[in-house]
Amino acid sequence: MNGETGIDVEKAAEFLGLSPSRFFELLEKKAIVRNWDEYEDIFRFDSHISGVVEGSVLLKRGGTFEIIRGFPKIKRAMTLFPAIERNFQGIGSVLVEEKMNGYNVRVTEYRGKLIALTRSGHVCPYSTERVQHLLNHDFFREHPELVVYGEMAGPDNPYVPKDIYGLESLDLFVFDIRCKSDGAPLPVMERRELADDYGFRQVELFGEFGIEEAPYEITRIIKELGKKEHEGVVIKDPEMVLQPIKYTCSESNCADLRHAFRFYNDSGRDYMFPRIVREGFQSVEWNENEEELRERCLRLGESILRPMIRSIREVQMDELISDDVRIRVRDRGTIERFRSYLERLGIDVVFGPPERIEDEYLVRISKINKSTTDKTKSIIIEGQLWS
């Protein structure tokens, strides 16, 4: 039974342990959604269903199916000392790796090439082109049961452009390798050794620390990372049995807020408010003196007000508020595929002309934030009130 879904409903339902009628109902309700273009036979989970997390992907291999599991939720430590003691009970030490500031992808081989899946389960055309040249394809042929989880970071980044890592373009840093069958992660050092064998770049490992010393060592690491505006760390059970936790730098929180308040009417309270709250907890745990607290307050206040004032002034000058990013591709066809992809996601974009740089094309993109532009215009020109 295929109908108009493009998938054998009975076989897919059996694979997922559902009845065909239940699976068909999920398709009709758009809880399971087909991907686009040449990936129409790849289906993404738009919500949590029967033990399969949101963002997971169902794809067909020959006469059967397989699941690429979504990204596991990593909870955040607000205060290091009690969080580490509570979450890592029963083990003697933790491993600490860098949490990089970019966007997550999962990489697997499909129909003879690598594909990059976003957190939501879409096949991103730009990321997919990049991973062809960033990862050793032998890994996927020799380990078809595994999926690579990584962070795409660098300046040629259409989602989170950052110059802080000293990268020329966009690169991928592996932070996890998991089994397709059940989503189980490889132990940290086993994963790092395997990734090294295939020449994969990885997130930095800062070391292994005993539970008692870990909060002090992580505080030291966080302060050093903050000086470079890096994001933070992920604290892991070496065997990956207990769930990791993450902890971020004040400077990273403020960098996020600078971006959020630049587009204040597009960024939600759930994004902005927790980052402000983190500052209070970190300041208290670090027992900051008056000078240190004043520096934090100034950093936080400027990250909120300056970008918002810049946006208001731009609208006063009849300019559109935009998020200016860039991509770098080898295949010019990727430019149009990526433009179409962003537009189908509902993003209003303006692409500049491709600039030839050796064997690649650099393309500058303006992502128009119409909501913030319109809201600002309605206030400063039409005199509308804030509701």
Protein backbone atom coordinates (compact mmCIF):
# COMPACT_ATOMS: atom_id res chain seq x y z
CA MET A 1 0.00 0.00 0.00
CA ASN A 2 1.72 3.15 -1.25
CA GLY A 3 -1.06 5.56 -2.12
CA GLU A 4 0.39 9.01 -2.73
CA THR A 5 2.91 8.73 0.08
CA GLY A 6 5.76 7.25 -1.99
CA ILE A 7 6.44 4.68 0.71
CA ASP A 8 5.34 1.10 1.38
CA VAL A 9 3.17 1.87 4.38
CA GLU A 10 2.81 -1.73 5.54
CA LYS A 11 6.54 -2.47 5.52
CA ALA A 12 7.44 0.88 7.09
CA ALA A 13 4.80 0.40 9.81
CA GLU A 14 6.07 -3.10 10.54
CA PHE A 15 9.64 -1.79 10.82
CA LEU A 16 8.52 0.84 13.35
CA GLY A 17 6.28 -1.55 15.28
CA LEU A 18 3.11 0.34 14.30
CA SER A 19 -0.10 -0.69 12.61
CA PRO A 20 -0.42 0.41 8.96
CA SER A 21 -3.44 2.54 9.86
CA ARG A 22 -1.50 4.31 12.63
CA PHE A 23 1.45 4.96 10.33
CA PHE A 24 -0.83 6.32 7.60
CA GLU A 25 -2.51 8.55 10.20
CA LEU A 26 0.89 9.96 11.21
CA LEU A 27 1.63 10.73 7.56
CA GLU A 28 -1.70 12.50 7.13
CA LYS A 29 -1.13 14.55 10.30
CA LYS A 30 2.36 15.52 9.08
CA ALA A 31 3.94 13.96 12.16
CA ILE A 32 6.07 12.01 9.67
CA VAL A 33 6.96 14.18 6.68
CA ARG A 34 8.61 13.47 3.35
CA ASN A 35 11.83 15.30 2.47
CA TRP A 36 12.18 17.26 -0.76
CA ASP A 37 13.46 16.85 -4.30
CA GLU A 38 15.82 13.91 -4.82
CA TYR A 39 15.32 12.89 -1.19
CA GLU A 40 11.55 12.37 -1.37
CA ASP A 41 11.97 8.77 -0.21
CA ILE A 42 13.52 9.97 3.06
CA PHE A 43 10.98 10.74 5.78
CA ARG A 44 11.62 12.87 8.86
CA PHE A 45 9.86 12.71 12.22
CA ASP A 46 8.37 16.11 12.98
CA SER A 47 7.48 15.08 16.53
CA HIS A 48 8.30 12.37 19.10
CA ILE A 49 6.57 9.14 18.08
CA SER A 50 6.61 5.73 19.78
CA GLY A 51 10.10 6.07 21.21
CA VAL A 52 11.52 7.76 18.10
CA VAL A 53 12.65 11.31 18.89
CA GLU A 54 11.81 14.37 16.82
CA GLY A 55 14.29 14.96 14.00
CA SER A 56 14.86 11.25 13.41
CA VAL A 57 14.84 10.09 9.80
CA LEU A 58 13.38 6.98 8.18
CA LEU A 59 15.03 5.88 4.95
CA LYS A 60 14.86 2.83 2.74
CA ARG A 61 17.82 0.59 1.95
CA GLY A 62 17.03 -2.02 -0.62
CA GLY A 63 14.08 -4.02 0.65
CA THR A 64 14.20 -2.76 4.21
CA PHE A 65 14.27 0.43 6.28
CA GLU A 66 16.59 2.03 8.78
CA ILE A 67 16.37 4.85 11.30
CA ILE A 68 18.85 7.67 11.73
CA ARG A 69 18.15 8.78 15.28
CA GLY A 70 17.67 12.43 16.15
CA PHE A 71 20.03 14.43 18.31
CA PRO A 72 19.79 13.47 21.98
CA LYS A 73 18.84 16.32 24.27
CA ILE A 74 21.80 17.45 26.38
CA LYS A 75 20.75 19.15 29.58
CA ARG A 76 22.54 22.22 30.85
CA ALA A 77 24.36 22.73 34.12
CA MET A 78 23.50 26.07 35.73
CA THR A 79 25.94 25.50 38.61
CA LEU A 80 28.86 23.13 38.12
CA PHE A 81 29.51 21.70 41.58
CA PRO A 82 26.07 20.26 42.40
CA ALA A 83 25.32 19.36 38.76
CA ILE A 84 28.42 17.21 38.34
CA GLU A 85 27.95 15.55 41.72
CA ARG A 86 24.31 14.71 40.96
CA ASN A 87 24.57 13.66 37.31
CA PHE A 88 27.73 11.57 37.47
CA GLN A 89 27.10 9.53 40.58
CA GLY A 90 28.88 6.19 40.67
CA ILE A 91 31.76 7.00 38.31
CA GLY A 92 35.20 8.23 39.24
CA SER A 93 35.90 10.74 36.49
CA VAL A 94 34.49 12.69 33.56
CA LEU A 95 35.86 13.65 30.16
CA VAL A 96 35.52 17.27 29.03
CA GLU A 97 35.25 18.22 25.34
CA GLU A 98 34.65 21.57 23.71
CA LYS A 99 31.13 22.57 22.74
CA MET A 100 31.61 24.44 19.49
CA ASN A 101 29.40 27.19 18.14
CA GLY A 102 27.97 26.17 14.79
CA TYR A 103 25.16 23.90 13.67
CA ASN A 104 24.68 20.16 14.12
CA VAL A 105 24.54 17.61 11.32
CA ARG A 106 24.32 13.84 11.15
CA VAL A 107 26.17 12.24 8.28
CA THR A 108 25.43 8.89 6.67
CA GLU A 109 25.96 7.30 3.26
CA TYR A 110 22.90 7.10 1.02
CA ARG A 111 22.79 5.89 -2.57
CA GLY A 112 26.52 6.15 -3.04
CA LYS A 113 27.11 9.58 -1.51
CA LEU A 114 27.13 11.21 1.88
CA ILE A 115 24.13 13.20 3.06
CA ALA A 116 24.00 15.70 5.92
CA LEU A 117 20.84 15.76 8.02
CA THR A 118 19.97 18.84 10.08
CA ARG A 119 18.64 18.71 13.62
CA SER A 120 15.08 18.77 12.24
CA GLY A 121 15.81 15.92 9.81
CA HIS A 122 16.04 17.88 6.55
CA VAL A 123 18.74 17.06 4.01
CA CYS A 124 20.62 20.36 3.72
CA PRO A 125 22.00 20.77 0.16
CA TYR A 126 24.87 23.02 1.26
CA SER A 127 25.97 20.83 4.16
CA THR A 128 25.65 17.75 1.96
CA GLU A 129 28.00 19.20 -0.63
CA ARG A 130 30.52 20.19 2.04
CA VAL A 131 30.69 16.81 3.76
CA GLN A 132 31.60 15.11 0.46
CA HIS A 133 34.99 16.83 0.76
CA LEU A 134 35.37 16.95 4.55
CA LEU A 135 34.91 13.30 5.53
CA ASN A 136 36.64 10.08 4.47
CA HIS A 137 34.03 8.02 2.59
CA ASP A 138 35.79 4.77 3.54
CA PHE A 139 34.42 5.12 7.07
CA PHE A 140 30.83 4.85 5.86
CA ARG A 141 31.54 1.88 3.58
CA GLU A 142 33.41 0.02 6.30
CA HIS A 143 31.05 0.97 9.15
CA PRO A 144 27.56 1.16 7.59
CA GLU A 145 26.01 0.57 11.02
CA LEU A 146 27.33 3.89 12.38
CA VAL A 147 26.30 7.54 12.03
CA VAL A 148 28.65 10.51 12.46
CA TYR A 149 27.39 13.45 14.53
CA GLY A 150 29.30 16.68 14.09
CA GLU A 151 29.34 20.47 14.39
CA MET A 152 29.68 22.55 11.22
CA ALA A 153 31.64 25.64 12.22
CA GLY A 154 33.43 28.48 10.50
CA PRO A 155 32.81 31.76 8.66
CA ASP A 156 31.16 30.29 5.52
CA ASN A 157 28.20 29.24 7.63
CA PRO A 158 24.64 30.17 6.61
CA TYR A 159 23.21 29.56 10.08
CA VAL A 160 25.85 30.47 12.73
CA PRO A 161 28.81 32.25 11.07
CA LYS A 162 31.81 32.51 13.40
CA ASP A 163 35.35 33.74 12.81
CA ILE A 164 36.47 32.74 16.30
CA TYR A 165 38.02 29.36 15.37
CA GLY A 166 40.64 30.56 12.91
CA LEU A 167 39.06 28.60 10.03
CA GLU A 168 39.24 29.73 6.42
CA SER A 169 35.84 28.31 5.49
CA LEU A 170 33.39 25.78 6.94
CA ASP A 171 34.61 22.59 8.58
CA LEU A 172 33.06 19.67 10.44
CA PHE A 173 34.11 18.63 13.94
CA VAL A 174 32.97 15.21 15.12
CA PHE A 175 31.55 15.07 18.65
CA ASP A 176 29.69 11.75 18.58
CA ILE A 177 29.39 8.48 16.66
CA ARG A 178 26.27 6.39 17.24
CA CYS A 179 24.78 3.07 16.17
CA LYS A 180 21.85 3.24 13.78
CA SER A 181 19.98 0.33 15.31
CA ASP A 182 19.39 1.83 18.75
CA GLY A 183 21.15 5.21 18.78
CA ALA A 184 23.70 4.02 21.34
CA PRO A 185 26.88 6.15 21.41
CA LEU A 186 30.41 4.80 21.25
CA PRO A 187 32.50 5.39 24.40
CA VAL A 188 34.37 8.68 24.10
CA MET A 189 37.92 7.37 23.67
CA GLU A 190 36.79 4.58 21.33
CA ARG A 191 35.03 7.19 19.21
CA ARG A 192 38.05 9.49 19.20
CA GLU A 193 40.39 6.68 18.17
CA LEU A 194 38.05 5.54 15.39
CA ALA A 195 37.58 9.10 14.10
CA ASP A 196 41.36 9.62 14.16
CA ASP A 197 41.83 6.44 12.11
CA TYR A 198 39.82 8.03 9.28
CA GLY A 199 41.32 11.51 9.60
CA PHE A 200 38.17 13.21 10.93
CA ARG A 201 38.55 16.53 12.71
CA GLN A 202 37.11 16.38 16.21
CA VAL A 203 36.08 18.73 18.97
CA GLU A 204 38.94 19.40 21.36
CA LEU A 205 39.40 17.09 24.35
CA PHE A 206 40.50 19.06 27.41
CA GLY A 207 41.15 16.05 29.59
CA GLU A 208 39.79 13.55 32.08
CA PHE A 209 39.16 14.81 35.59
CA GLY A 210 38.10 13.20 38.85
CA ILE A 211 34.63 14.12 40.07
CA GLU A 212 35.99 16.21 42.94
CA GLU A 213 38.42 18.24 40.83
CA ALA A 214 36.23 18.54 37.71
CA PRO A 215 34.27 21.69 38.72
CA TYR A 216 37.51 23.58 39.43
CA GLU A 217 39.15 22.43 36.19
CA ILE A 218 36.06 23.20 34.11
CA THR A 219 35.78 26.67 35.62
CA ARG A 220 39.39 27.30 34.59
CA ILE A 221 38.71 25.99 31.07
CA ILE A 222 35.52 28.06 30.73
CA LYS A 223 37.31 31.27 31.69
CA GLU A 224 39.98 30.62 29.05
CA LEU A 225 37.39 29.78 26.39
CA GLY A 226 35.45 32.90 27.28
CA LYS A 227 38.43 35.09 26.44
CA LYS A 228 38.13 33.78 22.84
CA GLU A 229 34.29 33.97 22.81
CA HIS A 230 34.10 30.20 22.39
CA GLU A 231 30.88 28.55 23.48
CA GLY A 232 31.69 26.15 26.29
CA VAL A 233 32.13 22.48 27.16
CA VAL A 234 30.29 19.16 27.23
CA ILE A 235 30.97 16.99 30.28
CA LYS A 236 30.78 13.26 29.55
CA ASP A 237 30.81 9.87 31.20
CA PRO A 238 33.80 8.18 29.49
CA GLU A 239 31.60 5.14 28.70
CA MET A 240 28.67 7.34 27.57
CA VAL A 241 26.27 5.41 29.76
CA LEU A 242 25.26 8.43 31.84
CA GLN A 243 23.90 11.41 29.92
CA PRO A 244 26.32 14.28 29.15
CA ILE A 245 25.71 17.80 30.42
CA LYS A 246 26.83 21.11 28.93
CA TYR A 247 28.08 24.37 30.41
CA THR A 248 28.68 27.64 28.59
CA CYS A 249 30.78 30.79 28.83
CA SER A 250 29.34 34.17 29.74
CA GLU A 251 30.84 35.64 26.57
CA SER A 252 29.00 33.04 24.47
CA ASN A 253 25.70 33.80 26.20
CA CYS A 254 26.22 37.47 25.39
CA ALA A 255 27.17 36.75 21.77
CA ASP A 256 23.90 34.82 21.41
CA LEU A 257 21.99 37.70 22.95
CA ARG A 258 23.64 40.21 20.61
CA HIS A 259 22.26 38.22 17.70
CA ALA A 260 18.86 37.70 19.32
CA PHE A 261 18.27 41.36 20.17
CA ARG A 262 19.39 42.46 16.72
CA PHE A 263 16.26 40.59 15.59
CA TYR A 264 14.30 41.14 18.78
CA ASN A 265 10.87 40.47 17.26
CA ASP A 266 12.00 37.21 15.62
CA SER A 267 13.75 35.68 18.65
CA GLY A 268 11.50 34.18 21.27
CA ARG A 269 11.56 34.63 25.03
CA ASP A 270 12.49 30.95 25.44
CA TYR A 271 15.73 31.69 23.59
CA MET A 272 16.66 34.97 25.27
CA PHE A 273 15.53 34.67 28.88
CA PRO A 274 17.50 31.51 29.87
CA ARG A 275 20.75 33.08 28.66
CA ILE A 276 20.20 36.03 30.99
CA VAL A 277 19.37 33.72 33.91
CA ARG A 278 22.60 31.73 33.35
CA GLU A 279 24.60 34.89 33.98
CA GLY A 280 23.17 35.27 37.46
CA PHE A 281 23.86 31.69 38.52
CA GLN A 282 27.39 31.73 37.13
CA SER A 283 28.23 34.99 38.86
CA VAL A 284 27.07 33.65 42.23
CA GLU A 285 28.86 30.30 41.86
CA TRP A 286 32.08 32.05 40.95
CA ASN A 287 31.68 34.38 43.94
CA GLU A 288 32.51 37.41 41.82
CA ASN A 289 33.74 40.59 43.46
CA GLU A 290 32.22 43.99 42.70
CA GLU A 291 34.55 44.71 39.78
CA GLU A 292 33.94 41.31 38.17
CA LEU A 293 30.19 41.69 38.62
CA ARG A 294 30.26 45.15 37.07
CA GLU A 295 32.11 43.79 34.04
CA ARG A 296 29.50 41.06 33.66
CA CYS A 297 26.64 43.55 33.94
CA LEU A 298 28.19 45.83 31.32
CA ARG A 299 28.84 42.89 28.98
CA LEU A 300 25.27 41.64 29.38
CA GLY A 301 23.67 45.07 29.04
CA GLU A 302 25.62 45.96 25.91
CA SER A 303 24.76 42.62 24.31
CA ILE A 304 21.07 43.48 24.72
CA LEU A 305 20.91 47.21 23.94
CA ARG A 306 23.54 47.89 21.27
CA PRO A 307 22.23 45.47 18.61
CA MET A 308 18.64 46.54 19.19
CA ILE A 309 19.54 50.22 18.87
CA ARG A 310 21.42 49.44 15.66
CA SER A 311 18.31 47.76 14.23
CA ILE A 312 16.06 50.68 15.18
CA ARG A 313 18.43 53.17 13.53
CA GLU A 314 18.57 51.11 10.35
CA VAL A 315 14.78 51.12 10.08
CA GLN A 316 14.82 54.91 10.67
CA MET A 317 17.05 55.14 7.59
CA ASP A 318 14.52 53.02 5.66
CA GLU A 319 16.79 49.97 5.57
CA LEU A 320 15.75 46.35 5.91
CA ILE A 321 17.17 44.47 8.89
CA SER A 322 19.04 41.42 7.62
CA ASP A 323 21.30 38.66 8.83
CA ASP A 324 24.25 38.67 6.45
CA VAL A 325 25.97 35.31 5.96
CA ARG A 326 27.91 33.54 3.23
CA ILE A 327 28.47 30.09 1.77
CA ARG A 328 31.29 28.57 -0.28
CA VAL A 329 30.53 25.84 -2.82
CA ARG A 330 32.29 23.89 -5.57
CA ASP A 331 29.18 23.07 -7.60
CA ARG A 332 27.23 26.12 -8.81
CA GLY A 333 24.10 23.96 -8.85
CA THR A 334 24.27 23.83 -5.06
CA ILE A 335 23.59 27.58 -4.94
CA GLU A 336 20.12 27.24 -6.48
CA ARG A 337 19.35 24.08 -4.53
CA PHE A 338 20.23 25.86 -1.29
CA ARG A 339 18.24 28.96 -2.23
CA SER A 340 15.19 26.78 -2.90
CA TYR A 341 15.77 24.92 0.36
CA LEU A 342 15.83 28.12 2.45
CA GLU A 343 12.76 29.50 0.71
CA ARG A 344 10.84 26.27 1.38
CA LEU A 345 11.78 26.65 5.03
CA GLY A 346 10.07 30.06 4.91
CA ILE A 347 13.25 32.15 5.03
CA ASP A 348 13.24 35.38 2.99
CA VAL A 349 16.66 35.51 1.30
CA VAL A 350 18.57 37.63 -1.19
CA PHE A 351 21.56 35.91 -2.86
CA GLY A 352 24.44 37.96 -4.18
CA PRO A 353 26.33 37.02 -7.37
CA PRO A 354 28.80 34.12 -7.02
CA GLU A 355 32.43 35.22 -6.62
CA ARG A 356 35.00 32.81 -8.07
CA ILE A 357 37.77 31.93 -5.60
CA GLU A 358 40.09 29.33 -7.16
CA ASP A 359 37.94 26.20 -7.61
CA GLU A 360 35.04 27.44 -5.44
CA TYR A 361 32.28 30.05 -5.47
CA LEU A 362 31.68 32.42 -2.56
CA VAL A 363 28.07 33.61 -2.27
CA ARG A 364 26.89 36.32 0.11
CA ILE A 365 23.35 35.92 1.42
CA SER A 366 21.08 38.38 3.20
CA LYS A 367 18.40 36.73 5.32
CA ILE A 368 15.72 39.37 5.66
CA ASN A 369 14.13 39.61 9.10
CA LYS A 370 10.82 41.07 8.04
CA SER A 371 9.11 40.68 11.41
CA THR A 372 11.61 42.85 13.29
CA THR A 373 11.72 45.37 10.44
CA ASP A 374 7.92 45.68 10.30
CA LYS A 375 7.54 45.84 14.09
CA THR A 376 10.16 48.57 14.39
CA LYS A 377 8.63 50.54 11.53
CA SER A 378 5.17 50.34 13.07
CA ILE A 379 6.49 51.81 16.33
CA ILE A 380 8.77 54.59 15.09
CA ILE A 381 6.76 55.66 12.04
CA GLU A 382 3.14 54.69 12.70
CA GLY A 383 3.20 55.22 16.46
CA GLN A 384 1.79 51.83 17.33
CA LEU A 385 1.79 50.81 20.98
CA TRP A 386 3.51 47.78 22.48
CA SER A 387 0.95 45.20 23.49
